[in-house]
Amino acid sequence: MRVGRIFSVTSLLSLCFLLITSCSSRGIGFGVILWPPENSSLESSDVVKIISESNIEESYIIEVPGSEEKESLKRWRVKSYESENAARQASSEYGPFAETMALSSSVGLPVRSQPDALSDRVYRLRQHEEIKVLSKAPEEAQVGEYRGYWYKVLTQDGTIGYCFDQYLLLYQEGEREAVLSVQSVDLRIEDFFTRSYYPERFVHLIRQGTPALQVLNPEHGLFPDREQGVITIVSAKYSLSEEFSDVESAGRNRYYFTDSGVYITMESPEPPVSSILVQFQAESSDITARFMSIPDLEEMIEEEKLRREVALQEIVEMGERFMSNAYGTIEIYPDGSFEWSGKERLVPETIKAEYEDTGTIRFDRYLSSDLRRKYDGAASFRFHGAGSDQGITFLYTLESQGIRLTMIPEDNVKDFMVREIGYNSLILFMNLQN
């Protein structure tokens, strides 16, 4: 049995060798070299015989033209064809672009799946990243304020797509350094277009530990779009989108978005650009505002939402119903709504007469470092019948028998943070009702 098994394995290996040898002699097709590796004897548009293919290495073994040498190439460097005639026809069409290269003069220039500004982005180019030009669209196209050509390109990781020529620098193979030496790029402007910017107040609230969701709206900010030629500025008071055709220097660290009426002053001496002063007009008023980069704003918002959900859950898990003989009964539900009945003794000194018995509890108040040692949290009770910005703030402490509420005058809440309790504060102990 063991001898037979050895014979079978040996036979199988021999058969594989014969198949490989047979395949090597016949080849599996032909190819056109798109972008040869450095120091290779191959040239772009060369027609080669493809001997074999490796799916594991994602490569071809090709026969070097004019010799008996074999060379291994990544598949993306070669366009394969079934017949030699088809490969030679493709080589002839590719010939005019065989030595044409390009690099991006902009940070984040997109490579798209189709020659259309609305098609999917398949790659984003780094500034001065080199790519191989494969072909050029026969006619000019309009993209935003610009007219130009779409180029079919090949990136250094094998991605094939289309790039508009507004921020492409075209050159012939071997001329890259010469092109770069005469290319003047403002790195801060290039960096500016890589991110969004948010009101300075966002940064203030985040730094002091009060990420108020009613303020941190990710749709508010300054959003530059170089590709579309639009700069958008949005706040709770105004919203405008200004088209621009270029970015011009308007003095030291100051730039003008041509045809838009928007000026920016960069407060960072060098990239990354993290703080800008913006001047523009909105509703016939001249406005100057500071906007700042907050790379992880969305993550901070999600963390704050989770903190509030956990705070509500801690109370609800104790029990939904809390009662005081003097101050009524509060029922707090998992969705954050509440019903406060029998609260007559608190009206009108603490709770206004027009406030209804229902509302929502929001964990949109924060404790100073001193108060965090004494209390579990802070919340505002927003009664139906009150204004949208009206509520009653309580500090709370969770105890085994219930919840202790300490009322805080709104004058003691600054930027959503409770900094002091005040004198003769009303304290309510609400017993847990099982």
Protein backbone atom coordinates (compact mmCIF):
# COMPACT_ATOMS: atom_id res chain seq x y z
CA MET A 1 0.00 0.00 0.00
CA ARG A 2 2.72 2.50 0.91
CA VAL A 3 4.62 1.80 -2.36
CA GLY A 4 1.47 2.30 -4.40
CA ARG A 5 0.74 5.58 -2.62
CA ILE A 6 4.27 6.87 -3.32
CA PHE A 7 3.90 5.86 -6.95
CA SER A 8 0.60 7.74 -7.25
CA VAL A 9 2.05 10.96 -5.83
CA THR A 10 5.11 10.70 -8.06
CA SER A 11 2.91 10.13 -11.09
CA LEU A 12 0.77 13.14 -10.20
CA LEU A 13 3.81 15.40 -9.87
CA SER A 14 5.14 14.14 -13.19
CA LEU A 15 1.81 14.85 -14.86
CA CYS A 16 1.76 18.41 -13.46
CA PHE A 17 5.31 18.95 -14.75
CA LEU A 18 4.31 17.73 -18.21
CA LEU A 19 1.27 20.03 -18.23
CA ILE A 20 3.40 23.03 -17.22
CA THR A 21 6.02 22.19 -19.82
CA SER A 22 3.35 21.81 -22.47
CA CYS A 23 1.72 25.06 -21.46
CA SER A 24 5.12 26.83 -21.49
CA SER A 25 5.78 25.74 -25.05
CA ARG A 26 2.40 26.80 -26.40
CA GLY A 27 1.71 29.81 -24.15
CA ILE A 28 -1.72 30.92 -23.02
CA GLY A 29 -2.09 34.09 -25.10
CA PHE A 30 -0.53 37.44 -25.89
CA GLY A 31 -0.29 40.71 -24.06
CA VAL A 32 0.46 44.41 -24.41
CA ILE A 33 2.77 45.94 -21.80
CA LEU A 34 0.96 48.86 -20.15
CA TRP A 35 3.53 49.92 -17.55
CA PRO A 36 6.80 47.97 -17.27
CA PRO A 37 8.63 47.87 -13.93
CA GLU A 38 11.71 50.01 -13.40
CA ASN A 39 14.96 48.64 -14.84
CA SER A 40 13.06 46.24 -17.09
CA SER A 41 14.13 45.72 -20.69
CA LEU A 42 10.44 45.85 -21.64
CA GLU A 43 8.80 49.02 -22.91
CA SER A 44 5.22 50.26 -22.85
CA SER A 45 3.17 48.97 -25.82
CA ASP A 46 5.48 45.95 -26.38
CA VAL A 47 3.60 42.86 -27.57
CA VAL A 48 4.63 39.78 -25.59
CA LYS A 49 3.80 36.10 -25.48
CA ILE A 50 2.20 35.04 -22.18
CA ILE A 51 3.63 31.68 -21.15
CA SER A 52 1.75 30.99 -17.92
CA GLU A 53 -0.30 32.62 -15.17
CA SER A 54 -0.22 32.46 -11.37
CA ASN A 55 -3.42 33.27 -9.50
CA ILE A 56 -1.56 33.15 -6.18
CA GLU A 57 1.06 35.71 -7.25
CA GLU A 58 -1.39 37.51 -9.56
CA SER A 59 1.29 37.49 -12.22
CA TYR A 60 2.17 36.36 -15.74
CA ILE A 61 5.33 34.69 -16.99
CA ILE A 62 6.04 36.36 -20.34
CA GLU A 63 8.58 35.86 -23.07
CA VAL A 64 10.79 38.92 -23.59
CA PRO A 65 10.58 39.98 -27.28
CA GLY A 66 13.72 39.28 -29.29
CA SER A 67 15.18 36.86 -26.75
CA GLU A 68 14.54 33.55 -25.05
CA GLU A 69 14.40 35.18 -21.61
CA LYS A 70 11.36 34.88 -19.39
CA GLU A 71 10.14 37.58 -17.00
CA SER A 72 7.51 37.63 -14.25
CA LEU A 73 5.14 40.62 -14.31
CA LYS A 74 2.16 41.56 -12.17
CA ARG A 75 -1.03 41.07 -14.17
CA TRP A 76 -2.04 44.73 -13.93
CA ARG A 77 1.04 45.70 -15.92
CA VAL A 78 -0.13 43.65 -18.92
CA LYS A 79 -3.35 43.69 -20.97
CA SER A 80 -3.99 40.15 -22.20
CA TYR A 81 -5.49 39.02 -25.52
CA GLU A 82 -6.28 35.61 -27.00
CA SER A 83 -4.60 36.23 -30.33
CA GLU A 84 -1.41 37.96 -31.46
CA ASN A 85 -3.34 40.01 -34.04
CA ALA A 86 -5.64 41.43 -31.36
CA ALA A 87 -2.65 42.31 -29.18
CA ARG A 88 -0.86 44.06 -32.04
CA GLN A 89 -3.97 46.06 -32.90
CA ALA A 90 -4.27 47.17 -29.25
CA SER A 91 -0.56 48.02 -29.18
CA SER A 92 -0.99 50.25 -32.23
CA GLU A 93 -3.86 52.13 -30.55
CA TYR A 94 -1.92 52.48 -27.31
CA GLY A 95 1.28 53.60 -29.07
CA PRO A 96 0.63 57.39 -28.95
CA PHE A 97 0.36 57.19 -25.14
CA ALA A 98 3.07 54.59 -24.54
CA GLU A 99 5.43 57.12 -22.94
CA THR A 100 2.81 59.51 -21.52
CA MET A 101 2.79 59.83 -17.74
CA ALA A 102 0.96 62.14 -15.36
CA LEU A 103 1.02 63.27 -11.78
CA SER A 104 -1.56 64.94 -9.58
CA SER A 105 -0.99 68.59 -8.70
CA SER A 106 -3.72 68.37 -6.04
CA VAL A 107 -4.21 66.43 -2.83
CA GLY A 108 -7.03 63.87 -3.08
CA LEU A 109 -7.66 64.13 -6.83
CA PRO A 110 -10.24 61.40 -7.58
CA VAL A 111 -9.91 58.61 -10.13
CA ARG A 112 -13.43 57.62 -11.21
CA SER A 113 -14.99 54.47 -12.57
CA GLN A 114 -16.29 56.30 -15.67
CA PRO A 115 -15.38 59.57 -17.43
CA ASP A 116 -18.09 61.37 -15.46
CA ALA A 117 -17.77 63.60 -12.37
CA LEU A 118 -20.78 61.84 -10.80
CA SER A 119 -19.46 58.29 -11.20
CA ASP A 120 -17.98 56.31 -8.31
CA ARG A 121 -14.52 57.23 -7.04
CA VAL A 122 -12.24 54.19 -7.27
CA TYR A 123 -9.01 55.83 -6.11
CA ARG A 124 -7.81 59.10 -4.57
CA LEU A 125 -4.41 60.36 -5.70
CA ARG A 126 -1.80 61.74 -3.38
CA GLN A 127 -0.18 65.00 -4.38
CA HIS A 128 2.53 64.40 -7.03
CA GLU A 129 1.60 60.72 -7.24
CA GLU A 130 2.69 59.31 -10.60
CA ILE A 131 0.21 57.47 -12.83
CA LYS A 132 0.30 55.96 -16.33
CA VAL A 133 -1.89 57.48 -19.06
CA LEU A 134 -3.61 54.81 -21.20
CA SER A 135 -5.83 56.91 -23.47
CA LYS A 136 -7.57 60.25 -23.88
CA ALA A 137 -11.24 61.04 -24.51
CA PRO A 138 -11.82 62.23 -28.08
CA GLU A 139 -13.77 65.34 -27.03
CA GLU A 140 -13.58 67.96 -24.28
CA ALA A 141 -16.00 67.83 -21.37
CA GLN A 142 -17.36 70.45 -18.96
CA VAL A 143 -16.77 69.73 -15.25
CA GLY A 144 -17.92 72.58 -13.01
CA GLU A 145 -16.24 75.75 -14.25
CA TYR A 146 -13.62 73.86 -16.24
CA ARG A 147 -13.40 72.45 -19.74
CA GLY A 148 -10.91 69.71 -20.34
CA TYR A 149 -10.31 66.07 -21.22
CA TRP A 150 -10.89 62.86 -19.37
CA TYR A 151 -7.90 60.51 -19.34
CA LYS A 152 -7.97 56.79 -18.76
CA VAL A 153 -5.20 56.09 -16.27
CA LEU A 154 -3.47 53.27 -14.42
CA THR A 155 -2.34 53.75 -10.81
CA GLN A 156 0.61 52.13 -9.06
CA ASP A 157 -1.61 49.56 -7.34
CA GLY A 158 -3.21 48.43 -10.59
CA THR A 159 -6.42 50.47 -10.41
CA ILE A 160 -7.76 51.59 -13.80
CA GLY A 161 -10.11 54.56 -13.97
CA TYR A 162 -10.65 58.03 -15.37
CA CYS A 163 -9.19 61.34 -14.26
CA PHE A 164 -10.15 64.85 -15.36
CA ASP A 165 -7.17 66.91 -16.49
CA GLN A 166 -7.74 70.10 -14.46
CA TYR A 167 -5.22 69.02 -11.82
CA LEU A 168 -3.17 66.59 -13.92
CA LEU A 169 0.36 67.38 -15.07
CA LEU A 170 1.15 65.41 -18.22
CA TYR A 171 4.70 64.64 -19.29
CA GLN A 172 6.76 62.09 -21.17
CA GLU A 173 8.47 59.21 -19.41
CA GLY A 174 11.67 60.33 -17.67
CA GLU A 175 10.61 64.00 -17.34
CA ARG A 176 8.99 63.81 -13.89
CA GLU A 177 11.70 65.68 -11.99
CA ALA A 178 11.84 68.44 -14.61
CA VAL A 179 8.07 68.91 -14.33
CA LEU A 180 8.23 69.06 -10.55
CA SER A 181 11.04 71.59 -10.59
CA VAL A 182 8.87 74.15 -12.40
CA GLN A 183 5.62 73.28 -10.61
CA SER A 184 4.76 75.74 -7.86
CA VAL A 185 2.16 74.35 -5.47
CA ASP A 186 0.85 76.06 -2.34
CA LEU A 187 0.84 73.13 0.05
CA ARG A 188 -1.45 74.86 2.52
CA ILE A 189 -4.14 75.35 -0.14
CA GLU A 190 -3.77 71.75 -1.21
CA ASP A 191 -4.11 70.65 2.40
CA PHE A 192 -7.06 73.00 3.00
CA PHE A 193 -9.19 71.11 0.49
CA THR A 194 -8.70 67.74 2.21
CA ARG A 195 -11.05 68.35 5.15
CA SER A 196 -14.14 70.09 6.51
CA TYR A 197 -14.13 72.83 9.16
CA TYR A 198 -16.53 73.52 12.01
CA PRO A 199 -17.46 76.59 14.12
CA GLU A 200 -14.94 77.58 16.77
CA ARG A 201 -17.66 77.10 19.40
CA PHE A 202 -17.65 73.35 18.69
CA VAL A 203 -14.01 73.16 19.76
CA HIS A 204 -14.68 75.24 22.89
CA LEU A 205 -17.50 72.92 24.02
CA ILE A 206 -15.50 69.77 23.28
CA ARG A 207 -12.44 71.02 25.15
CA GLN A 208 -14.40 71.91 28.27
CA GLY A 209 -16.14 68.53 28.25
CA THR A 210 -19.63 69.69 27.28
CA PRO A 211 -20.29 68.22 23.80
CA ALA A 212 -23.87 69.52 23.60
CA LEU A 213 -25.60 67.70 20.75
CA GLN A 214 -27.99 70.61 20.24
CA VAL A 215 -24.94 72.63 19.15
CA LEU A 216 -22.59 70.04 17.58
CA ASN A 217 -24.48 69.67 14.32
CA PRO A 218 -22.11 68.06 11.75
CA GLU A 219 -24.04 69.82 8.97
CA HIS A 220 -22.89 73.19 10.31
CA GLY A 221 -19.48 74.30 9.14
CA LEU A 222 -17.37 75.24 6.14
CA PHE A 223 -17.16 72.62 3.41
CA PRO A 224 -14.81 73.28 0.46
CA ASP A 225 -15.23 71.22 -2.71
CA ARG A 226 -12.46 71.87 -5.20
CA GLU A 227 -13.70 69.33 -7.70
CA GLN A 228 -17.11 71.00 -8.02
CA GLY A 229 -15.74 74.50 -7.48
CA VAL A 230 -18.07 75.26 -4.56
CA ILE A 231 -17.48 76.43 -1.00
CA THR A 232 -20.42 75.93 1.38
CA ILE A 233 -20.89 77.65 4.74
CA VAL A 234 -23.76 76.65 7.01
CA SER A 235 -24.79 77.68 10.53
CA ALA A 236 -28.01 77.93 12.52
CA LYS A 237 -28.38 81.52 11.24
CA TYR A 238 -27.31 81.33 7.60
CA SER A 239 -26.55 78.99 4.70
CA LEU A 240 -24.74 79.79 1.48
CA SER A 241 -22.96 77.96 -1.33
CA GLU A 242 -20.58 80.07 -3.40
CA GLU A 243 -19.08 78.93 -6.69
CA PHE A 244 -15.44 79.80 -7.34
CA SER A 245 -13.17 79.45 -10.35
CA ASP A 246 -9.78 79.60 -8.64
CA VAL A 247 -7.98 80.40 -5.38
CA GLU A 248 -5.83 83.52 -5.43
CA SER A 249 -3.35 84.91 -2.92
CA ALA A 250 -4.79 88.05 -1.31
CA GLY A 251 -1.92 88.89 1.02
CA ARG A 252 0.07 87.10 3.65
CA ASN A 253 -1.76 83.90 4.67
CA ARG A 254 -4.92 85.28 3.02
CA TYR A 255 -6.69 83.84 -0.01
CA TYR A 256 -9.60 84.81 -2.22
CA PHE A 257 -11.96 82.31 -3.83
CA THR A 258 -12.28 83.97 -7.21
CA ASP A 259 -15.83 85.12 -8.14
CA SER A 260 -17.26 83.99 -4.78
CA GLY A 261 -16.83 86.86 -2.33
CA VAL A 262 -15.23 84.48 0.20
CA TYR A 263 -11.85 85.19 1.79
CA ILE A 264 -9.95 82.95 4.19
CA THR A 265 -6.96 83.63 6.41
CA MET A 266 -4.98 80.58 7.43
CA GLU A 267 -3.87 80.64 11.06
CA SER A 268 -1.59 77.63 10.72
CA PRO A 269 1.92 78.55 9.51
CA GLU A 270 2.21 75.27 7.60
CA PRO A 271 0.09 72.17 6.89
CA PRO A 272 -2.01 70.74 8.32
CA VAL A 273 -4.46 73.63 8.15
CA SER A 274 -6.45 73.37 11.38
CA SER A 275 -7.78 76.90 11.95
CA ILE A 276 -9.07 79.47 9.45
CA LEU A 277 -10.67 82.90 9.67
CA VAL A 278 -13.40 83.33 7.04
CA GLN A 279 -14.89 86.55 5.69
CA PHE A 280 -18.06 86.45 3.59
CA GLN A 281 -21.49 88.03 3.15
CA ALA A 282 -24.77 86.47 4.28
CA GLU A 283 -28.14 88.22 4.12
CA SER A 284 -26.43 91.51 3.17
CA SER A 285 -24.24 91.42 6.28
CA ASP A 286 -20.45 91.18 6.42
CA ILE A 287 -19.48 88.23 8.59
CA THR A 288 -16.14 87.16 10.01
CA ALA A 289 -16.05 83.74 11.67
CA ARG A 290 -13.44 81.24 12.78
CA PHE A 291 -13.73 77.61 11.71
CA MET A 292 -11.54 74.75 12.89
CA SER A 293 -10.79 71.21 11.83
CA ILE A 294 -12.26 68.45 14.03
CA PRO A 295 -11.20 65.15 12.40
CA ASP A 296 -13.20 62.89 14.73
CA LEU A 297 -16.36 64.99 15.21
CA GLU A 298 -18.72 62.21 14.10
CA GLU A 299 -17.10 59.79 16.56
CA MET A 300 -17.43 62.31 19.41
CA ILE A 301 -21.12 62.77 18.63
CA GLU A 302 -21.72 59.02 18.71
CA GLU A 303 -19.88 58.72 22.03
CA GLU A 304 -22.04 61.49 23.52
CA LYS A 305 -25.23 59.81 22.29
CA LEU A 306 -24.09 56.59 23.96
CA ARG A 307 -23.30 58.41 27.23
CA ARG A 308 -26.81 59.81 27.34
CA GLU A 309 -28.38 56.43 26.56
CA VAL A 310 -26.39 54.80 29.38
CA ALA A 311 -27.41 57.54 31.86
CA LEU A 312 -31.10 57.03 31.03
CA GLN A 313 -30.75 53.26 31.22
CA GLU A 314 -29.20 53.45 34.71
CA ILE A 315 -32.30 55.22 36.01
CA VAL A 316 -34.83 53.09 34.13
CA GLU A 317 -33.20 49.86 35.32
CA MET A 318 -33.89 50.91 38.93
CA GLY A 319 -37.58 51.12 38.15
CA GLU A 320 -39.78 53.44 36.14
CA ARG A 321 -41.84 54.87 39.01
CA PHE A 322 -40.61 57.22 41.75
CA MET A 323 -42.89 58.89 44.32
CA SER A 324 -42.79 61.63 46.96
CA ASN A 325 -45.72 62.37 49.30
CA ALA A 326 -45.00 66.07 48.91
CA TYR A 327 -43.93 66.38 45.27
CA GLY A 328 -45.92 63.78 43.37
CA THR A 329 -44.99 60.81 41.23
CA ILE A 330 -42.51 60.66 38.35
CA GLU A 331 -42.60 57.86 35.81
CA ILE A 332 -39.54 57.71 33.53
CA TYR A 333 -39.77 55.51 30.45
CA PRO A 334 -37.05 53.82 28.33
CA ASP A 335 -37.57 56.27 25.43
CA GLY A 336 -36.69 59.23 27.67
CA SER A 337 -40.25 60.49 28.12
CA PHE A 338 -41.69 61.11 31.58
CA GLU A 339 -44.97 61.82 33.34
CA TRP A 340 -44.95 63.89 36.55
CA SER A 341 -48.32 63.86 38.34
CA GLY A 342 -49.25 65.39 41.71
CA LYS A 343 -46.66 68.17 41.40
CA GLU A 344 -49.01 70.94 42.55
CA ARG A 345 -46.80 72.01 45.47
CA LEU A 346 -44.04 72.87 43.00
CA VAL A 347 -46.33 75.22 41.03
CA PRO A 348 -45.67 78.04 40.26
CA GLU A 349 -42.40 78.66 42.17
CA THR A 350 -40.51 75.75 40.58
CA ILE A 351 -42.72 74.48 37.77
CA LYS A 352 -44.74 76.99 35.76
CA ALA A 353 -48.50 76.62 35.72
CA GLU A 354 -48.63 76.21 31.92
CA TYR A 355 -46.28 73.20 32.01
CA GLU A 356 -48.09 69.93 31.34
CA ASP A 357 -47.55 66.68 33.29
CA THR A 358 -45.57 65.07 30.44
CA GLY A 359 -42.29 65.77 28.72
CA THR A 360 -38.82 64.40 28.03
CA ILE A 361 -35.76 64.05 30.21
CA ARG A 362 -32.50 65.02 28.54
CA PHE A 363 -29.02 64.39 29.83
CA ASP A 364 -27.78 67.59 28.21
CA ARG A 365 -26.27 69.14 31.34
CA TYR A 366 -22.73 68.53 32.60
CA LEU A 367 -21.09 68.69 36.01
CA SER A 368 -18.04 70.70 36.99
CA SER A 369 -15.16 68.65 38.35
CA ASP A 370 -16.12 69.54 41.95
CA LEU A 371 -19.74 68.49 41.53
CA ARG A 372 -18.83 65.19 39.82
CA ARG A 373 -17.48 63.98 43.17
CA LYS A 374 -20.90 64.43 44.83
CA TYR A 375 -23.48 63.67 42.16
CA ASP A 376 -24.08 60.93 39.61
CA GLY A 377 -25.19 63.25 36.85
CA ALA A 378 -27.28 66.18 35.66
CA ALA A 379 -30.38 66.32 33.51
CA SER A 380 -33.03 68.75 32.31
CA PHE A 381 -36.74 68.03 32.46
CA ARG A 382 -38.42 69.50 29.38
CA PHE A 383 -42.17 69.80 29.96
CA HIS A 384 -44.67 69.87 27.16
CA GLY A 385 -46.20 73.34 27.11
CA ALA A 386 -42.82 75.00 27.70
CA GLY A 387 -40.65 76.67 25.09
CA SER A 388 -38.13 74.56 23.20
CA ASP A 389 -35.26 76.12 25.15
CA GLN A 390 -36.97 75.97 28.53
CA GLY A 391 -36.46 73.25 31.11
CA ILE A 392 -35.73 72.59 34.76
CA THR A 393 -32.23 71.36 35.59
CA PHE A 394 -31.64 68.83 38.35
CA LEU A 395 -28.53 67.19 39.69
CA TYR A 396 -29.30 63.63 40.67
CA THR A 397 -27.91 60.92 42.93
CA LEU A 398 -29.03 57.32 42.56
CA GLU A 399 -29.62 55.57 45.88
CA SER A 400 -30.87 52.12 46.78
CA GLN A 401 -34.30 53.45 47.82
CA GLY A 402 -34.77 56.00 45.08
CA ILE A 403 -33.39 59.08 43.38
CA ARG A 404 -32.40 62.38 45.00
CA LEU A 405 -33.01 65.48 42.83
CA THR A 406 -31.42 68.85 43.53
CA MET A 407 -32.89 71.72 41.52
CA ILE A 408 -30.42 74.11 39.91
CA PRO A 409 -31.35 77.66 38.82
CA GLU A 410 -30.61 78.22 35.14
CA ASP A 411 -28.38 81.15 36.11
CA ASN A 412 -25.99 78.55 37.56
CA VAL A 413 -25.70 76.74 34.20
CA LYS A 414 -23.04 78.22 31.90
CA ASP A 415 -22.41 76.67 28.49
CA PHE A 416 -24.44 73.61 29.55
CA MET A 417 -22.24 73.04 32.61
CA VAL A 418 -23.53 73.24 36.21
CA ARG A 419 -20.79 75.08 38.06
CA GLU A 420 -22.45 75.62 41.45
CA ILE A 421 -25.60 74.61 43.30
CA GLY A 422 -26.64 77.96 44.78
CA TYR A 423 -28.22 78.82 48.08
CA ASN A 424 -31.27 77.07 49.57
CA SER A 425 -31.58 74.72 46.62
CA LEU A 426 -34.73 72.62 46.54
CA ILE A 427 -34.00 68.92 47.16
CA LEU A 428 -36.54 66.24 46.29
CA PHE A 429 -36.18 62.62 47.33
CA MET A 430 -38.32 60.38 45.15
CA ASN A 431 -38.82 56.88 46.55
CA LEU A 432 -38.57 53.95 44.20
CA GLN A 433 -41.93 52.18 43.75
CA ASN A 434 -41.60 48.51 42.85
